[in-house]
C-alpha atoms as a PDB file:
ATOM      1  CA  UNK A   1       1.673   2.192  55.294  1.00  0.00           C
ATOM      2  CA  UNK A   2       2.704   5.193  53.274  1.00  0.00           C
ATOM      3  CA  UNK A   3       5.594   4.415  50.942  1.00  0.00           C
ATOM      4  CA  UNK A   4       8.268   7.227  50.648  1.00  0.00           C
ATOM      5  CA  UNK A   5      10.345   7.585  47.535  1.00  0.00           C
ATOM      6  CA  UNK A   6      13.685   8.986  48.275  1.00  0.00           C
ATOM      7  CA  UNK A   7      15.244  11.014  45.694  1.00  0.00           C
ATOM      8  CA  UNK A   8      12.122  11.031  43.498  1.00  0.00           C
ATOM      9  CA  UNK A   9       9.901  13.624  43.259  1.00  0.00           C
ATOM     10  CA  UNK A  10       6.470  12.069  42.257  1.00  0.00           C
ATOM     11  CA  UNK A  11       2.962  13.329  40.486  1.00  0.00           C
ATOM     12  CA  UNK A  12       2.869  16.707  39.135  1.00  0.00           C
ATOM     13  CA  UNK A  13       0.836  20.105  40.152  1.00  0.00           C
ATOM     14  CA  UNK A  14       0.233  22.635  38.100  1.00  0.00           C
ATOM     15  CA  UNK A  15      -2.516  25.690  38.997  1.00  0.00           C
ATOM     16  CA  UNK A  16      -3.002  28.776  37.589  1.00  0.00           C
ATOM     17  CA  UNK A  17      -5.171  32.311  38.289  1.00  0.00           C
ATOM     18  CA  UNK A  18      -6.149  34.632  35.284  1.00  0.00           C
ATOM     19  CA  UNK A  19      -6.308  38.023  35.289  1.00  0.00           C
ATOM     20  CA  UNK A  20      -9.351  37.732  32.930  1.00  0.00           C
ATOM     21  CA  UNK A  21     -11.587  34.960  32.279  1.00  0.00           C
ATOM     22  CA  UNK A  22     -10.261  32.931  29.540  1.00  0.00           C
ATOM     23  CA  UNK A  23      -9.217  29.208  27.830  1.00  0.00           C
ATOM     24  CA  UNK A  24      -7.433  28.049  31.415  1.00  0.00           C
ATOM     25  CA  UNK A  25      -8.370  24.436  30.227  1.00  0.00           C
ATOM     26  CA  UNK A  26      -5.909  25.152  27.484  1.00  0.00           C
ATOM     27  CA  UNK A  27      -3.213  26.302  29.752  1.00  0.00           C
ATOM     28  CA  UNK A  28      -3.620  23.842  32.282  1.00  0.00           C
ATOM     29  CA  UNK A  29      -3.234  20.646  29.620  1.00  0.00           C
ATOM     30  CA  UNK A  30      -0.185  22.259  28.296  1.00  0.00           C
ATOM     31  CA  UNK A  31       1.362  22.566  31.715  1.00  0.00           C
ATOM     32  CA  UNK A  32       0.340  19.072  32.794  1.00  0.00           C
ATOM     33  CA  UNK A  33       1.665  17.975  29.476  1.00  0.00           C
ATOM     34  CA  UNK A  34       4.782  19.296  30.420  1.00  0.00           C
ATOM     35  CA  UNK A  35       4.884  17.163  33.987  1.00  0.00           C
ATOM     36  CA  UNK A  36       3.806  13.648  32.281  1.00  0.00           C
ATOM     37  CA  UNK A  37       6.575  12.534  33.086  1.00  0.00           C
ATOM     38  CA  UNK A  38       5.266  12.482  36.849  1.00  0.00           C
ATOM     39  CA  UNK A  39       3.045  10.175  36.305  1.00  0.00           C
ATOM     40  CA  UNK A  40       0.188   8.222  34.120  1.00  0.00           C
ATOM     41  CA  UNK A  41      -1.896   6.433  36.421  1.00  0.00           C
ATOM     42  CA  UNK A  42      -4.664   9.008  36.337  1.00  0.00           C
ATOM     43  CA  UNK A  43      -4.960  13.088  35.346  1.00  0.00           C
ATOM     44  CA  UNK A  44      -7.084  15.725  36.492  1.00  0.00           C
ATOM     45  CA  UNK A  45      -8.429  19.523  36.666  1.00  0.00           C
ATOM     46  CA  UNK A  46     -10.497  21.381  38.971  1.00  0.00           C
ATOM     47  CA  UNK A  47     -11.790  24.741  36.544  1.00  0.00           C
ATOM     48  CA  UNK A  48     -13.696  27.480  38.103  1.00  0.00           C
ATOM     49  CA  UNK A  49     -16.022  28.972  35.508  1.00  0.00           C
ATOM     50  CA  UNK A  50     -19.055  31.373  35.494  1.00  0.00           C
ATOM     51  CA  UNK A  51     -21.734  30.402  38.541  1.00  0.00           C
ATOM     52  CA  UNK A  52     -25.138  29.510  37.345  1.00  0.00           C
ATOM     53  CA  UNK A  53     -27.361  32.916  37.320  1.00  0.00           C
ATOM     54  CA  UNK A  54     -29.954  31.810  40.163  1.00  0.00           C
ATOM     55  CA  UNK A  55     -29.165  31.748  43.758  1.00  0.00           C
ATOM     56  CA  UNK A  56     -28.447  28.236  45.289  1.00  0.00           C
ATOM     57  CA  UNK A  57     -28.042  26.702  41.670  1.00  0.00           C
ATOM     58  CA  UNK A  58     -25.363  24.310  42.053  1.00  0.00           C
ATOM     59  CA  UNK A  59     -22.735  21.923  39.137  1.00  0.00           C
ATOM     60  CA  UNK A  60     -22.412  18.607  39.979  1.00  0.00           C
ATOM     61  CA  UNK A  61     -20.153  16.064  38.199  1.00  0.00           C
ATOM     62  CA  UNK A  62     -21.442  12.477  38.510  1.00  0.00           C
ATOM     63  CA  UNK A  63     -19.114   9.086  37.720  1.00  0.00           C
ATOM     64  CA  UNK A  64     -22.520   7.338  35.855  1.00  0.00           C
ATOM     65  CA  UNK A  65     -22.429   3.448  35.782  1.00  0.00           C
ATOM     66  CA  UNK A  66     -23.310   2.387  32.077  1.00  0.00           C
ATOM     67  CA  UNK A  67     -26.787   0.871  32.264  1.00  0.00           C
ATOM     68  CA  UNK A  68     -30.481   1.444  31.665  1.00  0.00           C
ATOM     69  CA  UNK A  69     -32.660   3.932  34.214  1.00  0.00           C
ATOM     70  CA  UNK A  70     -29.132   5.146  35.947  1.00  0.00           C
ATOM     71  CA  UNK A  71     -30.049   8.632  35.129  1.00  0.00           C
ATOM     72  CA  UNK A  72     -33.691   8.174  36.186  1.00  0.00           C
ATOM     73  CA  UNK A  73     -31.987   6.512  39.322  1.00  0.00           C
ATOM     74  CA  UNK A  74     -29.791   9.494  39.940  1.00  0.00           C
ATOM     75  CA  UNK A  75     -32.904  12.260  39.037  1.00  0.00           C
ATOM     76  CA  UNK A  76     -35.106  10.059  41.628  1.00  0.00           C
ATOM     77  CA  UNK A  77     -32.095  10.388  44.366  1.00  0.00           C
ATOM     78  CA  UNK A  78     -31.217  14.176  44.141  1.00  0.00           C
ATOM     79  CA  UNK A  79     -35.652  15.073  43.809  1.00  0.00           C
ATOM     80  CA  UNK A  80     -36.008  13.142  47.269  1.00  0.00           C
ATOM     81  CA  UNK A  81     -32.921  15.239  49.009  1.00  0.00           C
ATOM     82  CA  UNK A  82     -34.581  18.535  47.903  1.00  0.00           C
ATOM     83  CA  UNK A  83     -32.981  18.642  44.847  1.00  0.00           C
ATOM     84  CA  UNK A  84     -34.515  20.444  41.259  1.00  0.00           C
ATOM     85  CA  UNK A  85     -32.937  19.307  38.254  1.00  0.00           C
ATOM     86  CA  UNK A  86     -32.450  22.236  36.130  1.00  0.00           C
ATOM     87  CA  UNK A  87     -30.105  20.439  33.641  1.00  0.00           C
ATOM     88  CA  UNK A  88     -28.838  17.395  32.478  1.00  0.00           C
ATOM     89  CA  UNK A  89     -25.710  16.458  29.875  1.00  0.00           C
ATOM     90  CA  UNK A  90     -24.870  13.275  29.852  1.00  0.00           C
ATOM     91  CA  UNK A  91     -21.479  12.493  28.407  1.00  0.00           C
ATOM     92  CA  UNK A  92     -20.617   8.618  27.779  1.00  0.00           C
ATOM     93  CA  UNK A  93     -17.286   7.666  27.865  1.00  0.00           C
ATOM     94  CA  UNK A  94     -15.751   4.425  28.096  1.00  0.00           C
ATOM     95  CA  UNK A  95     -18.663   2.508  28.988  1.00  0.00           C
ATOM     96  CA  UNK A  96     -19.708   4.875  32.034  1.00  0.00           C
ATOM     97  CA  UNK A  97     -20.550   8.046  32.160  1.00  0.00           C
ATOM     98  CA  UNK A  98     -19.506  11.621  33.234  1.00  0.00           C
ATOM     99  CA  UNK A  99     -22.498  13.780  33.508  1.00  0.00           C
ATOM    100  CA  UNK A 100     -23.134  17.390  34.252  1.00  0.00           C
ATOM    101  CA  UNK A 101     -26.493  17.893  36.449  1.00  0.00           C
ATOM    102  CA  UNK A 102     -27.164  21.677  37.132  1.00  0.00           C
ATOM    103  CA  UNK A 103     -29.549  21.493  40.110  1.00  0.00           C
ATOM    104  CA  UNK A 104     -31.217  24.254  42.287  1.00  0.00           C
ATOM    105  CA  UNK A 105     -31.214  23.353  46.391  1.00  0.00           C
ATOM    106  CA  UNK A 106     -30.274  24.754  49.520  1.00  0.00           C
ATOM    107  CA  UNK A 107     -26.851  24.280  50.564  1.00  0.00           C
ATOM    108  CA  UNK A 108     -27.989  22.328  53.594  1.00  0.00           C
ATOM    109  CA  UNK A 109     -29.007  19.740  51.633  1.00  0.00           C
ATOM    110  CA  UNK A 110     -25.947  19.143  49.303  1.00  0.00           C
ATOM    111  CA  UNK A 111     -24.858  16.088  51.733  1.00  0.00           C
ATOM    112  CA  UNK A 112     -28.208  14.482  51.913  1.00  0.00           C
ATOM    113  CA  UNK A 113     -28.489  14.518  48.155  1.00  0.00           C
ATOM    114  CA  UNK A 114     -24.349  13.430  47.390  1.00  0.00           C
ATOM    115  CA  UNK A 115     -25.305  10.522  49.876  1.00  0.00           C
ATOM    116  CA  UNK A 116     -28.197   9.842  47.965  1.00  0.00           C
ATOM    117  CA  UNK A 117     -26.987   9.504  45.093  1.00  0.00           C
ATOM    118  CA  UNK A 118     -24.155   7.026  45.892  1.00  0.00           C
ATOM    119  CA  UNK A 119     -26.834   5.071  47.573  1.00  0.00           C
ATOM    120  CA  UNK A 120     -28.008   3.929  44.091  1.00  0.00           C
ATOM    121  CA  UNK A 121     -24.956   2.261  43.473  1.00  0.00           C
ATOM    122  CA  UNK A 122     -24.857   3.215  40.070  1.00  0.00           C
ATOM    123  CA  UNK A 123     -23.711   6.384  40.353  1.00  0.00           C
ATOM    124  CA  UNK A 124     -20.944   8.695  42.468  1.00  0.00           C
ATOM    125  CA  UNK A 125     -20.490  12.574  42.995  1.00  0.00           C
ATOM    126  CA  UNK A 126     -17.441  13.857  42.070  1.00  0.00           C
ATOM    127  CA  UNK A 127     -17.842  17.817  42.362  1.00  0.00           C
ATOM    128  CA  UNK A 128     -20.032  19.888  43.780  1.00  0.00           C
ATOM    129  CA  UNK A 129     -19.830  23.802  43.717  1.00  0.00           C
ATOM    130  CA  UNK A 130     -21.251  27.200  42.068  1.00  0.00           C
ATOM    131  CA  UNK A 131     -18.472  27.434  39.871  1.00  0.00           C
ATOM    132  CA  UNK A 132     -16.354  24.655  40.167  1.00  0.00           C
ATOM    133  CA  UNK A 133     -16.208  21.232  38.239  1.00  0.00           C
ATOM    134  CA  UNK A 134     -13.625  18.573  38.762  1.00  0.00           C
ATOM    135  CA  UNK A 135     -12.380  16.140  35.617  1.00  0.00           C
ATOM    136  CA  UNK A 136     -10.461  13.604  36.482  1.00  0.00           C
ATOM    137  CA  UNK A 137      -9.978   9.662  34.968  1.00  0.00           C
ATOM    138  CA  UNK A 138      -7.891   7.218  34.790  1.00  0.00           C
ATOM    139  CA  UNK A 139      -5.850   8.705  31.937  1.00  0.00           C
ATOM    140  CA  UNK A 140      -3.056  10.577  30.801  1.00  0.00           C
ATOM    141  CA  UNK A 141      -3.839  14.095  30.021  1.00  0.00           C
ATOM    142  CA  UNK A 142      -3.725  13.784  26.638  1.00  0.00           C
ATOM    143  CA  UNK A 143      -6.315  11.648  26.652  1.00  0.00           C
ATOM    144  CA  UNK A 144      -8.297  13.291  29.549  1.00  0.00           C
ATOM    145  CA  UNK A 145      -8.865  16.074  26.902  1.00  0.00           C
ATOM    146  CA  UNK A 146      -9.460  13.782  24.142  1.00  0.00           C
ATOM    147  CA  UNK A 147     -12.628  12.692  26.536  1.00  0.00           C
ATOM    148  CA  UNK A 148     -13.737  15.582  28.208  1.00  0.00           C
ATOM    149  CA  UNK A 149     -12.381  18.184  25.494  1.00  0.00           C
ATOM    150  CA  UNK A 150     -10.707  20.098  28.374  1.00  0.00           C
ATOM    151  CA  UNK A 151      -8.485  22.653  26.717  1.00  0.00           C
ATOM    152  CA  UNK A 152     -11.707  24.167  25.420  1.00  0.00           C
ATOM    153  CA  UNK A 153     -12.990  25.002  28.928  1.00  0.00           C
ATOM    154  CA  UNK A 154     -13.196  29.028  29.836  1.00  0.00           C
ATOM    155  CA  UNK A 155     -12.731  30.422  33.330  1.00  0.00           C
ATOM    156  CA  UNK A 156     -10.618  32.687  35.737  1.00  0.00           C
ATOM    157  CA  UNK A 157      -8.560  29.369  37.602  1.00  0.00           C
ATOM    158  CA  UNK A 158      -7.702  26.023  38.156  1.00  0.00           C
ATOM    159  CA  UNK A 159      -6.133  23.121  38.675  1.00  0.00           C
ATOM    160  CA  UNK A 160      -4.385  20.243  37.465  1.00  0.00           C
ATOM    161  CA  UNK A 161      -2.639  16.913  38.611  1.00  0.00           C
ATOM    162  CA  UNK A 162      -0.751  13.965  37.070  1.00  0.00           C
ATOM    163  CA  UNK A 163      -0.527  11.065  39.273  1.00  0.00           C
ATOM    164  CA  UNK A 164       2.203   8.377  40.157  1.00  0.00           C
ATOM    165  CA  UNK A 165       0.732   6.237  42.640  1.00  0.00           C
ATOM    166  CA  UNK A 166       2.807   5.378  46.132  1.00  0.00           C
ATOM    167  CA  UNK A 167      -0.612   4.793  48.262  1.00  0.00           C
ATOM    168  CA  UNK A 168      -4.100   3.591  47.949  1.00  0.00           C
ATOM    169  CA  UNK A 169      -5.467   2.283  44.572  1.00  0.00           C
ATOM    170  CA  UNK A 170      -5.779   3.646  41.171  1.00  0.00           C
ATOM    171  CA  UNK A 171      -9.143   4.433  40.464  1.00  0.00           C
ATOM    172  CA  UNK A 172     -11.347   7.458  39.115  1.00  0.00           C
ATOM    173  CA  UNK A 173     -12.160   8.181  43.212  1.00  0.00           C
ATOM    174  CA  UNK A 174      -8.869   8.470  44.064  1.00  0.00           C
ATOM    175  CA  UNK A 175      -7.505  10.776  41.225  1.00  0.00           C
ATOM    176  CA  UNK A 176      -6.956  13.716  41.538  1.00  0.00           C
ATOM    177  CA  UNK A 177      -8.514  17.206  42.553  1.00  0.00           C
ATOM    178  CA  UNK A 178      -9.938  16.307  45.734  1.00  0.00           C
ATOM    179  CA  UNK A 179     -13.232  18.074  47.301  1.00  0.00           C
ATOM    180  CA  UNK A 180     -14.901  18.383  50.634  1.00  0.00           C
ATOM    181  CA  UNK A 181     -18.254  18.370  49.729  1.00  0.00           C
ATOM    182  CA  UNK A 182     -18.781  19.713  53.065  1.00  0.00           C
ATOM    183  CA  UNK A 183     -17.665  22.941  51.726  1.00  0.00           C
ATOM    184  CA  UNK A 184     -18.637  23.373  48.050  1.00  0.00           C
ATOM    185  CA  UNK A 185     -16.424  25.286  45.477  1.00  0.00           C
ATOM    186  CA  UNK A 186     -12.876  24.113  47.292  1.00  0.00           C
ATOM    187  CA  UNK A 187     -10.797  21.816  45.627  1.00  0.00           C
ATOM    188  CA  UNK A 188      -6.910  20.807  46.313  1.00  0.00           C
ATOM    189  CA  UNK A 189      -3.932  18.647  44.142  1.00  0.00           C
ATOM    190  CA  UNK A 190      -0.809  17.124  46.149  1.00  0.00           C
ATOM    191  CA  UNK A 191       2.376  15.794  45.550  1.00  0.00           C
ATOM    192  CA  UNK A 192       3.956  13.605  48.642  1.00  0.00           C
ATOM    193  CA  UNK A 193       2.902  12.017  51.783  1.00  0.00           C
ATOM    194  CA  UNK A 194       1.010  13.184  54.909  1.00  0.00           C
ATOM    195  CA  UNK A 195       2.836  10.827  57.280  1.00  0.00           C
ATOM    196  CA  UNK A 196       0.875  12.134  60.686  1.00  0.00           C
ATOM    197  CA  UNK A 197      -2.247  11.568  58.177  1.00  0.00           C
ATOM    198  CA  UNK A 198      -4.495   9.233  60.944  1.00  0.00           C
ATOM    199  CA  UNK A 199      -3.643  11.409  63.758  1.00  0.00           C
ATOM    200  CA  UNK A 200      -5.063  14.559  61.893  1.00  0.00           C
ATOM    201  CA  UNK A 201      -7.901  12.252  60.300  1.00  0.00           C
ATOM    202  CA  UNK A 202      -9.099  11.230  63.617  1.00  0.00           C
ATOM    203  CA  UNK A 203      -9.396  14.853  64.936  1.00  0.00           C
ATOM    204  CA  UNK A 204     -11.396  15.720  61.718  1.00  0.00           C
ATOM    205  CA  UNK A 205     -13.585  12.972  62.070  1.00  0.00           C
ATOM    206  CA  UNK A 206     -14.759  13.912  65.461  1.00  0.00           C
ATOM    207  CA  UNK A 207     -15.904  17.064  64.353  1.00  0.00           C
ATOM    208  CA  UNK A 208     -17.977  15.692  61.557  1.00  0.00           C
ATOM    209  CA  UNK A 209     -16.021  15.471  58.519  1.00  0.00           C
ATOM    210  CA  UNK A 210     -16.794  12.454  56.503  1.00  0.00           C
ATOM    211  CA  UNK A 211     -13.705  11.088  54.138  1.00  0.00           C
ATOM    212  CA  UNK A 212     -14.618   9.468  50.781  1.00  0.00           C
ATOM    213  CA  UNK A 213     -11.211   7.933  50.177  1.00  0.00           C
ATOM    214  CA  UNK A 214      -8.080   6.235  52.139  1.00  0.00           C
ATOM    215  CA  UNK A 215      -6.209   8.779  49.981  1.00  0.00           C
ATOM    216  CA  UNK A 216      -3.764  10.989  52.657  1.00  0.00           C
ATOM    217  CA  UNK A 217      -4.550  14.016  49.574  1.00  0.00           C
ATOM    218  CA  UNK A 218      -8.176  14.065  51.057  1.00  0.00           C
ATOM    219  CA  UNK A 219      -6.814  15.192  54.371  1.00  0.00           C
ATOM    220  CA  UNK A 220      -5.618  18.618  53.177  1.00  0.00           C
ATOM    221  CA  UNK A 221      -9.025  19.341  51.741  1.00  0.00           C
ATOM    222  CA  UNK A 222     -10.537  18.340  54.845  1.00  0.00           C
ATOM    223  CA  UNK A 223      -7.795  20.260  56.973  1.00  0.00           C
ATOM    224  CA  UNK A 224      -8.157  23.585  54.654  1.00  0.00           C
ATOM    225  CA  UNK A 225     -12.366  23.571  54.870  1.00  0.00           C
ATOM    226  CA  UNK A 226     -12.621  23.097  58.580  1.00  0.00           C
ATOM    227  CA  UNK A 227      -9.986  26.037  59.015  1.00  0.00           C
ATOM    228  CA  UNK A 228     -11.975  28.760  56.764  1.00  0.00           C
ATOM    229  CA  UNK A 229     -15.230  27.505  58.773  1.00  0.00           C
ATOM    230  CA  UNK A 230     -13.692  28.758  61.871  1.00  0.00           C
ATOM    231  CA  UNK A 231     -12.754  32.216  59.985  1.00  0.00           C
ATOM    232  CA  UNK A 232      -9.330  31.940  58.761  1.00  0.00           C
ATOM    233  CA  UNK A 233      -8.535  33.306  55.871  1.00  0.00           C
ATOM    234  CA  UNK A 234      -6.877  31.217  52.760  1.00  0.00           C
ATOM    235  CA  UNK A 235      -3.527  32.536  53.808  1.00  0.00           C
ATOM    236  CA  UNK A 236      -4.035  31.836  57.530  1.00  0.00           C
ATOM    237  CA  UNK A 237      -5.651  28.517  56.731  1.00  0.00           C
ATOM    238  CA  UNK A 238      -2.241  27.263  54.833  1.00  0.00           C
ATOM    239  CA  UNK A 239      -0.231  28.768  57.016  1.00  0.00           C
ATOM    240  CA  UNK A 240      -1.425  26.259  59.883  1.00  0.00           C
ATOM    241  CA  UNK A 241      -1.601  22.970  57.732  1.00  0.00           C
ATOM    242  CA  UNK A 242       2.632  23.919  57.086  1.00  0.00           C
ATOM    243  CA  UNK A 243       2.424  23.875  60.966  1.00  0.00           C
ATOM    244  CA  UNK A 244       0.366  20.708  61.604  1.00  0.00           C
ATOM    245  CA  UNK A 245       0.824  18.627  58.911  1.00  0.00           C
ATOM    246  CA  UNK A 246       3.990  15.899  58.928  1.00  0.00           C
ATOM    247  CA  UNK A 247       5.927  14.733  55.664  1.00  0.00           C
ATOM    248  CA  UNK A 248       7.244  15.745  52.559  1.00  0.00           C
ATOM    249  CA  UNK A 249       4.780  17.954  50.119  1.00  0.00           C
ATOM    250  CA  UNK A 250       3.731  20.334  48.367  1.00  0.00           C
ATOM    251  CA  UNK A 251       0.268  21.181  47.132  1.00  0.00           C
ATOM    252  CA  UNK A 252      -2.072  23.930  45.326  1.00  0.00           C
ATOM    253  CA  UNK A 253      -5.690  24.299  46.868  1.00  0.00           C
ATOM    254  CA  UNK A 254      -8.437  26.811  45.136  1.00  0.00           C
ATOM    255  CA  UNK A 255     -11.643  28.461  46.403  1.00  0.00           C
ATOM    256  CA  UNK A 256     -14.407  29.983  44.016  1.00  0.00           C
ATOM    257  CA  UNK A 257     -11.876  33.368  44.819  1.00  0.00           C
ATOM    258  CA  UNK A 258      -8.468  32.541  45.481  1.00  0.00           C
ATOM    259  CA  UNK A 259      -5.351  30.207  44.768  1.00  0.00           C
ATOM    260  CA  UNK A 260      -3.320  28.918  47.587  1.00  0.00           C
ATOM    261  CA  UNK A 261       0.190  27.013  47.533  1.00  0.00           C
ATOM    262  CA  UNK A 262       2.141  25.368  50.256  1.00  0.00           C
ATOM    263  CA  UNK A 263       5.610  23.518  50.698  1.00  0.00           C
ATOM    264  CA  UNK A 264       6.785  21.421  53.300  1.00  0.00           C
ATOM    265  CA  UNK A 265       8.998  23.027  56.162  1.00  0.00           C
ATOM    266  CA  UNK A 266      11.964  20.771  55.441  1.00  0.00           C
ATOM    267  CA  UNK A 267      11.415  21.654  51.466  1.00  0.00           C
ATOM    268  CA  UNK A 268      11.577  17.909  50.580  1.00  0.00           C
ATOM    269  CA  UNK A 269       8.748  18.484  47.640  1.00  0.00           C
ATOM    270  CA  UNK A 270       9.353  21.140  45.007  1.00  0.00           C
ATOM    271  CA  UNK A 271       7.016  24.056  44.134  1.00  0.00           C
ATOM    272  CA  UNK A 272       7.392  27.260  41.924  1.00  0.00           C
ATOM    273  CA  UNK A 273       5.996  29.683  41.141  1.00  0.00           C
ATOM    274  CA  UNK A 274       5.178  32.463  38.164  1.00  0.00           C
ATOM    275  CA  UNK A 275       3.859  35.685  38.403  1.00  0.00           C
ATOM    276  CA  UNK A 276       3.200  37.746  35.444  1.00  0.00           C
ATOM    277  CA  UNK A 277       0.868  40.844  34.100  1.00  0.00           C
ATOM    278  CA  UNK A 278      -1.817  38.179  32.546  1.00  0.00           C
ATOM    279  CA  UNK A 279      -2.032  35.561  35.330  1.00  0.00           C
ATOM    280  CA  UNK A 280      -0.040  33.763  38.379  1.00  0.00           C
ATOM    281  CA  UNK A 281       0.608  29.766  38.077  1.00  0.00           C
ATOM    282  CA  UNK A 282       2.299  27.524  40.469  1.00  0.00           C
ATOM    283  CA  UNK A 283       4.018  23.983  39.398  1.00  0.00           C
ATOM    284  CA  UNK A 284       5.969  21.186  40.191  1.00  0.00           C
ATOM    285  CA  UNK A 285       8.791  22.220  37.664  1.00  0.00           C
ATOM    286  CA  UNK A 286      10.101  24.790  36.116  1.00  0.00           C
ATOM    287  CA  UNK A 287       9.434  24.007  32.982  1.00  0.00           C
ATOM    288  CA  UNK A 288       5.572  23.664  33.299  1.00  0.00           C
ATOM    289  CA  UNK A 289       5.776  27.548  33.725  1.00  0.00           C
ATOM    290  CA  UNK A 290       7.714  28.049  30.655  1.00  0.00           C
ATOM    291  CA  UNK A 291       5.493  26.437  28.517  1.00  0.00           C
ATOM    292  CA  UNK A 292       2.646  29.735  29.347  1.00  0.00           C
ATOM    293  CA  UNK A 293       5.312  31.854  27.047  1.00  0.00           C
ATOM    294  CA  UNK A 294       4.677  34.137  29.853  1.00  0.00           C
ATOM    295  CA  UNK A 295       7.537  36.921  30.430  1.00  0.00           C
ATOM    296  CA  UNK A 296       7.863  37.570  34.763  1.00  0.00           C
ATOM    297  CA  UNK A 297       9.747  36.239  37.509  1.00  0.00           C
ATOM    298  CA  UNK A 298       9.804  32.297  38.450  1.00  0.00           C
ATOM    299  CA  UNK A 299      10.916  31.532  41.870  1.00  0.00           C
ATOM    300  CA  UNK A 300      11.301  28.406  43.737  1.00  0.00           C
ATOM    301  CA  UNK A 301       9.431  28.296  46.893  1.00  0.00           C
ATOM    302  CA  UNK A 302      11.511  28.440  50.164  1.00  0.00           C
ATOM    303  CA  UNK A 303      10.436  25.406  52.803  1.00  0.00           C
ATOM    304  CA  UNK A 304       7.580  26.327  54.565  1.00  0.00           C
ATOM    305  CA  UNK A 305       6.169  29.015  52.279  1.00  0.00           C
ATOM    306  CA  UNK A 306       3.092  30.121  51.587  1.00  0.00           C
ATOM    307  CA  UNK A 307       1.566  31.828  48.341  1.00  0.00           C
ATOM    308  CA  UNK A 308      -1.608  32.924  47.868  1.00  0.00           C
ATOM    309  CA  UNK A 309      -3.260  34.927  44.940  1.00  0.00           C
ATOM    310  CA  UNK A 310      -7.102  36.773  45.102  1.00  0.00           C
ATOM    311  CA  UNK A 311      -8.981  37.138  42.189  1.00  0.00           C
ATOM    312  CA  UNK A 312      -8.930  40.733  40.614  1.00  0.00           C
END
């Protein structure tokens, strides 16, 4: 059963799209710190940087148990699924690894690679994409920066989240952002609840969508991915979600080329946007936009409103 905390705005969400590549990680950390009072259960970012040079190269972020031979098992699992490892960057953190693998593989092999890695029982893929990297942990925003140097990450756009859990467990897998592995380079951060979660999930599963968790936030990224594959553009797909998804919510979703935000049709969860000459940004609170120190208009989204921004 999904718990609803009436009168309390829970979780903090943030997103920023820069008109020129810059330190998007630093800006997201600044926004997340301003939202930290909304939750300390976990923190995470989705950063969109430059894609690898070769066609069919992908970046995998993998959480790995700190045991002897784990990297070898993961490498074997990737190879057996048709992946060619180009580079490995091991990043040990607090008894586990948060490792970065650059691989070359056909897009059709990605799902098999992810399944193979999970089958080793020593690792889980947290993100896969040409330019997307998801970094998250059970910690605060400042601790996330200390562990992964997020503030030094450059890119064109990204998402941030600080979590107060009202449903599902608190662990690395259930931290935001979420991705749909069926559709690389897409991510979502969410504040609120989807009250018709099971109804929509069953429809998506019948279409072949595979869910990694029981978190209702993951539903959103699968829903939007499904609409994009049907030929909807991002603005249209998000608009359909406002019609179909019930409950109090605001969410931000990103692809390799755009960011979009939606507010539920009753306006039960907040979302504010800022547009300036240098960037476009969205957050749960005005304070998280003010810390960007940009001249530009800030406004509340109306109930049921959708806004999208494309990379220039």
